[in-house]
Amino acid sequence: MPPLSRLTRALPAVLAVALLAACGSDDSSDGDDASGASPSASGGGESVELTVLAAASLTDVFEDAAEVYEAANDGVTLTFSFAGSQELAAQVQEGVPADVLVTADTTTMDGVADLTEDPSVIARNALTLVTPPDDPGGVDDLTDLADSDLRLVLAAPEVPAGRYGREILDALGIDAQPDSEEPNVRAVLSKVELGEADAGLVYVTDATAAGEDAVRTVPIPEEDNVLAAYPAAALTESENAEAAADFVEWLLSDEAQAVLADAGFLAP
């Protein structure tokens, strides 16, 4: 009988321990971890995917900028759609779902002013003349573009780079007739890189991104050049209005401006 007596006396203590364990289990189900912090306190919030419609000349630099931005903004993912500014504006007018628009000129941005918040110019760019590395057309300066035997490629007139290029040529009185007109400046660069054209007008940043092994650069004198302006704006129909505005604001930050400058863009 003594062993049974000891078991009877110990039973209340065993039940008390079990009850405390059960209470502890209920507390943990409220979402607190062992440290007493809830999962939301770890910094994890609702994820946001921003769709940015951006001028083709921003392809390389925006991909670099995305790494910097996403690293500093947990939960935000940037998705880009690159094309000629006129194509992007048409997409906005057609109601294609997006959050931010960045064009290579203010004229195109002004054309969709009723569909965007107030834009901010985030960078500028200059044009340059490019040829294949072996310069088959013997191009020394812009005046050589008037040679009818030269295979010249320009962006189409409705593309900002095409409009800027023709503005430069017209001001200098150079009658240059392109053999091909492309839908965006990157298509111009590609034709020169592939040797399908003897010369083309692109942005300085495009030539820099291609590298001297891909194209030969013939600088345009500063007094003859035209500076492109890049306005950025959140779209009024964005489903992520606050995040879209934050990204546009970030593009003017020292951090973003450093990325743009490294790629050859000029300050706003």
Protein backbone atom coordinates (compact mmCIF):
# COMPACT_ATOMS: atom_id res chain seq x y z
CA MET A 1 0.00 0.00 0.00
CA PRO A 2 2.78 2.57 0.56
CA PRO A 3 3.59 2.83 -3.18
CA LEU A 4 -0.07 3.52 -3.96
CA SER A 5 -0.14 6.17 -1.27
CA ARG A 6 2.84 7.98 -2.82
CA LEU A 7 1.19 7.91 -6.29
CA THR A 8 -2.01 9.39 -4.86
CA ARG A 9 -0.10 12.25 -3.25
CA ALA A 10 1.86 12.97 -6.48
CA LEU A 11 -1.16 13.03 -8.79
CA PRO A 12 -2.22 16.67 -8.15
CA ALA A 13 1.30 17.89 -9.02
CA VAL A 14 1.32 15.92 -12.29
CA LEU A 15 -2.04 17.38 -13.28
CA ALA A 16 -0.81 20.91 -12.53
CA VAL A 17 2.23 20.48 -14.81
CA ALA A 18 0.02 19.14 -17.59
CA LEU A 19 -2.35 22.06 -17.23
CA LEU A 20 0.47 24.59 -17.45
CA ALA A 21 1.83 22.89 -20.57
CA ALA A 22 -1.58 23.07 -22.19
CA CYS A 23 -1.85 26.77 -21.43
CA GLY A 24 1.55 27.36 -22.93
CA SER A 25 0.51 25.54 -26.07
CA ASP A 26 -2.58 27.77 -26.40
CA ASP A 27 -0.46 30.92 -26.02
CA SER A 28 1.89 29.87 -28.81
CA SER A 29 -1.02 29.44 -31.18
CA ASP A 30 -1.67 33.20 -31.00
CA GLY A 31 1.20 33.71 -33.44
CA ASP A 32 4.05 34.63 -31.06
CA ASP A 33 7.37 32.90 -31.54
CA ALA A 34 9.72 31.83 -28.77
CA SER A 35 11.14 35.34 -28.52
CA GLY A 36 7.69 36.81 -27.95
CA ALA A 37 7.62 38.67 -31.31
CA SER A 38 4.84 38.06 -33.82
CA PRO A 39 5.74 37.06 -37.41
CA SER A 40 4.64 40.49 -38.70
CA ALA A 41 7.29 42.13 -36.52
CA SER A 42 10.04 40.44 -38.51
CA GLY A 43 9.57 42.94 -41.34
CA GLY A 44 7.51 40.73 -43.62
CA GLY A 45 4.65 42.75 -45.09
CA GLU A 46 2.33 42.53 -48.06
CA SER A 47 4.31 42.03 -51.27
CA VAL A 48 3.92 44.55 -54.08
CA GLU A 49 4.79 44.06 -57.74
CA LEU A 50 5.25 47.34 -59.61
CA THR A 51 5.01 47.33 -63.39
CA VAL A 52 7.14 50.08 -64.90
CA LEU A 53 6.77 51.08 -68.56
CA ALA A 54 10.14 52.53 -69.52
CA ALA A 55 11.86 53.90 -72.62
CA ALA A 56 14.08 51.34 -74.36
CA SER A 57 17.22 53.36 -73.65
CA LEU A 58 16.69 52.72 -69.94
CA THR A 59 16.91 48.93 -70.31
CA ASP A 60 20.33 48.33 -68.78
CA VAL A 61 20.33 51.02 -66.12
CA PHE A 62 16.85 50.20 -64.80
CA GLU A 63 17.76 46.54 -64.44
CA ASP A 64 20.71 47.64 -62.32
CA ALA A 65 18.55 50.10 -60.40
CA ALA A 66 16.01 47.36 -59.65
CA GLU A 67 18.61 45.38 -57.71
CA VAL A 68 19.37 48.40 -55.54
CA TYR A 69 15.74 49.34 -55.01
CA GLU A 70 14.47 45.86 -54.23
CA ALA A 71 17.31 45.27 -51.76
CA ALA A 72 16.26 48.38 -49.83
CA ASN A 73 12.50 47.79 -50.12
CA ASP A 74 11.59 44.36 -48.82
CA GLY A 75 8.51 42.91 -50.48
CA VAL A 76 8.63 45.17 -53.56
CA THR A 77 9.36 43.62 -56.96
CA LEU A 78 9.92 45.72 -60.07
CA THR A 79 8.78 44.39 -63.44
CA PHE A 80 9.78 46.37 -66.52
CA SER A 81 8.35 46.67 -70.00
CA PHE A 82 10.79 48.45 -72.34
CA ALA A 83 9.80 49.93 -75.69
CA GLY A 84 9.76 53.16 -77.64
CA SER A 85 8.15 55.97 -75.66
CA GLN A 86 5.36 56.32 -78.21
CA GLU A 87 4.51 52.63 -77.83
CA LEU A 88 4.42 52.94 -74.06
CA ALA A 89 2.11 55.95 -74.22
CA ALA A 90 -0.22 54.00 -76.51
CA GLN A 91 -0.31 51.17 -73.96
CA VAL A 92 -1.25 53.62 -71.20
CA GLN A 93 -4.04 55.05 -73.36
CA GLU A 94 -5.30 51.53 -74.06
CA GLY A 95 -5.51 50.85 -70.33
CA VAL A 96 -2.73 48.26 -70.09
CA PRO A 97 -2.27 47.55 -66.34
CA ALA A 98 0.85 49.36 -65.10
CA ASP A 99 2.03 51.57 -62.26
CA VAL A 100 4.75 53.91 -63.54
CA LEU A 101 5.61 55.46 -66.91
CA VAL A 102 9.09 56.75 -67.84
CA THR A 103 9.56 58.25 -71.31
CA ALA A 104 12.56 59.69 -73.13
CA ASP A 105 10.88 63.02 -73.79
CA THR A 106 8.43 65.39 -72.20
CA THR A 107 6.28 65.63 -75.34
CA THR A 108 5.16 62.01 -75.11
CA MET A 109 4.56 62.28 -71.37
CA ASP A 110 2.49 65.45 -71.89
CA GLY A 111 0.31 63.50 -74.32
CA VAL A 112 -0.93 61.25 -71.50
CA ALA A 113 -1.08 63.92 -68.78
CA ASP A 114 -4.69 63.04 -67.95
CA LEU A 115 -3.60 59.48 -67.11
CA THR A 116 -0.59 60.25 -64.92
CA GLU A 117 0.30 62.07 -61.74
CA ASP A 118 2.63 65.08 -62.06
CA PRO A 119 5.85 63.88 -63.75
CA SER A 120 9.40 64.57 -62.59
CA VAL A 121 12.42 64.65 -64.91
CA ILE A 122 14.82 62.05 -63.48
CA ALA A 123 17.70 62.23 -66.00
CA ARG A 124 18.94 63.64 -69.27
CA ASN A 125 20.87 62.12 -72.17
CA ALA A 126 22.81 63.21 -75.24
CA LEU A 127 22.98 61.69 -78.70
CA THR A 128 26.00 60.24 -80.46
CA LEU A 129 26.85 58.83 -83.87
CA VAL A 130 27.79 55.15 -83.99
CA THR A 131 29.27 52.92 -86.68
CA PRO A 132 30.47 49.31 -86.78
CA PRO A 133 33.98 48.98 -85.27
CA ASP A 134 35.63 48.72 -88.71
CA ASP A 135 33.72 51.79 -89.99
CA PRO A 136 32.85 50.43 -93.48
CA GLY A 137 31.18 53.68 -94.48
CA GLY A 138 34.13 55.91 -93.61
CA VAL A 139 32.14 58.15 -91.27
CA ASP A 140 34.09 61.01 -89.68
CA ASP A 141 31.29 63.36 -88.66
CA LEU A 142 27.61 64.14 -89.14
CA THR A 143 28.08 65.64 -92.59
CA ASP A 144 28.98 62.19 -93.92
CA LEU A 145 25.41 61.08 -93.24
CA ALA A 146 24.31 62.95 -96.37
CA ASP A 147 26.13 60.36 -98.52
CA SER A 148 23.43 58.47 -100.42
CA ASP A 149 25.62 55.36 -100.56
CA LEU A 150 25.83 55.21 -96.77
CA ARG A 151 23.51 52.73 -95.08
CA LEU A 152 21.99 54.99 -92.46
CA VAL A 153 19.51 53.90 -89.79
CA LEU A 154 17.55 56.24 -87.52
CA ALA A 155 14.74 55.83 -85.05
CA ALA A 156 11.35 56.65 -86.57
CA PRO A 157 10.20 60.31 -86.38
CA GLU A 158 7.61 59.54 -83.69
CA VAL A 159 10.30 58.01 -81.46
CA PRO A 160 12.05 60.58 -79.21
CA ALA A 161 15.54 59.52 -80.38
CA GLY A 162 14.38 59.83 -83.98
CA ARG A 163 12.92 63.27 -83.37
CA TYR A 164 16.04 64.45 -81.55
CA GLY A 165 18.28 63.13 -84.32
CA ARG A 166 16.36 64.88 -87.06
CA GLU A 167 16.39 68.07 -85.02
CA ILE A 168 20.19 67.95 -84.96
CA LEU A 169 20.50 67.18 -88.69
CA ASP A 170 17.98 69.84 -89.70
CA ALA A 171 19.73 72.50 -87.61
CA LEU A 172 23.00 71.71 -89.38
CA GLY A 173 21.36 71.62 -92.81
CA ILE A 174 22.32 67.98 -93.39
CA ASP A 175 20.03 66.15 -95.82
CA ALA A 176 20.29 62.61 -94.49
CA GLN A 177 17.88 60.00 -95.83
CA PRO A 178 17.75 56.88 -93.65
CA ASP A 179 17.58 53.46 -95.25
CA SER A 180 15.65 52.20 -92.24
CA GLU A 181 13.51 53.78 -89.52
CA GLU A 182 13.27 51.75 -86.31
CA PRO A 183 10.57 51.62 -83.59
CA ASN A 184 13.05 52.38 -80.79
CA VAL A 185 16.64 53.44 -80.27
CA ARG A 186 17.81 49.97 -79.23
CA ALA A 187 16.74 48.64 -82.62
CA VAL A 188 18.95 51.29 -84.25
CA LEU A 189 21.88 50.20 -82.10
CA SER A 190 21.26 46.55 -82.93
CA LYS A 191 21.38 47.13 -86.69
CA VAL A 192 24.73 48.91 -86.36
CA GLU A 193 26.09 46.20 -84.06
CA LEU A 194 25.08 43.50 -86.55
CA GLY A 195 26.71 45.33 -89.46
CA GLU A 196 23.35 45.87 -91.15
CA ALA A 197 23.95 49.63 -91.17
CA ASP A 198 27.01 51.84 -91.66
CA ALA A 199 25.87 54.47 -89.18
CA GLY A 200 23.11 55.38 -86.76
CA LEU A 201 22.18 57.97 -84.15
CA VAL A 202 21.65 56.65 -80.63
CA TYR A 203 21.97 57.93 -77.08
CA VAL A 204 25.40 58.12 -75.49
CA THR A 205 24.23 55.62 -72.87
CA ASP A 206 23.31 53.08 -75.58
CA ALA A 207 26.79 53.27 -77.08
CA THR A 208 28.32 52.98 -73.61
CA ALA A 209 26.24 49.89 -72.81
CA ALA A 210 27.21 48.26 -76.13
CA GLY A 211 30.93 48.81 -75.56
CA GLU A 212 33.72 49.78 -77.93
CA ASP A 213 34.07 46.21 -79.21
CA ALA A 214 30.50 46.38 -80.54
CA VAL A 215 30.33 49.91 -81.97
CA ARG A 216 32.59 52.83 -82.78
CA THR A 217 31.46 56.15 -81.36
CA VAL A 218 31.73 59.49 -83.14
CA PRO A 219 30.85 62.21 -80.59
CA ILE A 220 28.53 65.03 -81.60
CA PRO A 221 29.85 68.47 -80.58
CA GLU A 222 28.02 69.79 -77.53
CA GLU A 223 26.90 72.95 -79.35
CA ASP A 224 25.22 70.81 -82.04
CA ASN A 225 23.71 68.20 -79.74
CA VAL A 226 20.26 67.94 -78.18
CA LEU A 227 19.61 66.80 -74.63
CA ALA A 228 16.84 64.29 -74.06
CA ALA A 229 14.78 64.65 -70.88
CA TYR A 230 13.39 61.58 -69.08
CA PRO A 231 10.20 62.32 -67.10
CA ALA A 232 8.76 59.68 -64.76
CA ALA A 233 5.23 59.58 -63.37
CA ALA A 234 2.94 57.27 -61.44
CA LEU A 235 -0.19 56.29 -63.35
CA THR A 236 -3.49 57.48 -61.93
CA GLU A 237 -5.05 54.04 -62.44
CA SER A 238 -2.25 52.23 -60.61
CA GLU A 239 -3.47 49.69 -58.06
CA ASN A 240 -0.29 50.40 -56.07
CA ALA A 241 -0.47 54.19 -55.98
CA GLU A 242 1.65 54.71 -52.87
CA ALA A 243 4.39 52.30 -53.95
CA ALA A 244 4.40 53.79 -57.46
CA ALA A 245 4.84 57.31 -56.07
CA ASP A 246 7.62 56.08 -53.78
CA PHE A 247 9.53 54.59 -56.73
CA VAL A 248 9.26 57.80 -58.76
CA GLU A 249 10.51 59.76 -55.76
CA TRP A 250 13.37 57.29 -55.28
CA LEU A 251 14.54 57.85 -58.86
CA LEU A 252 15.50 61.38 -57.79
CA SER A 253 17.39 60.20 -54.72
CA ASP A 254 21.19 60.30 -54.46
CA GLU A 255 21.25 56.51 -54.57
CA ALA A 256 19.32 56.28 -57.84
CA GLN A 257 21.12 59.24 -59.40
CA ALA A 258 24.44 57.50 -58.75
CA VAL A 259 23.24 54.43 -60.67
CA LEU A 260 22.06 56.60 -63.56
CA ALA A 261 25.33 58.56 -63.61
CA ASP A 262 27.38 55.35 -63.71
CA ALA A 263 25.48 54.39 -66.86
CA GLY A 264 26.30 57.73 -68.50
CA PHE A 265 23.05 59.59 -67.89
CA LEU A 266 23.21 63.27 -67.05
CA ALA A 267 21.64 64.88 -64.00
CA PRO A 268 18.07 66.18 -64.31
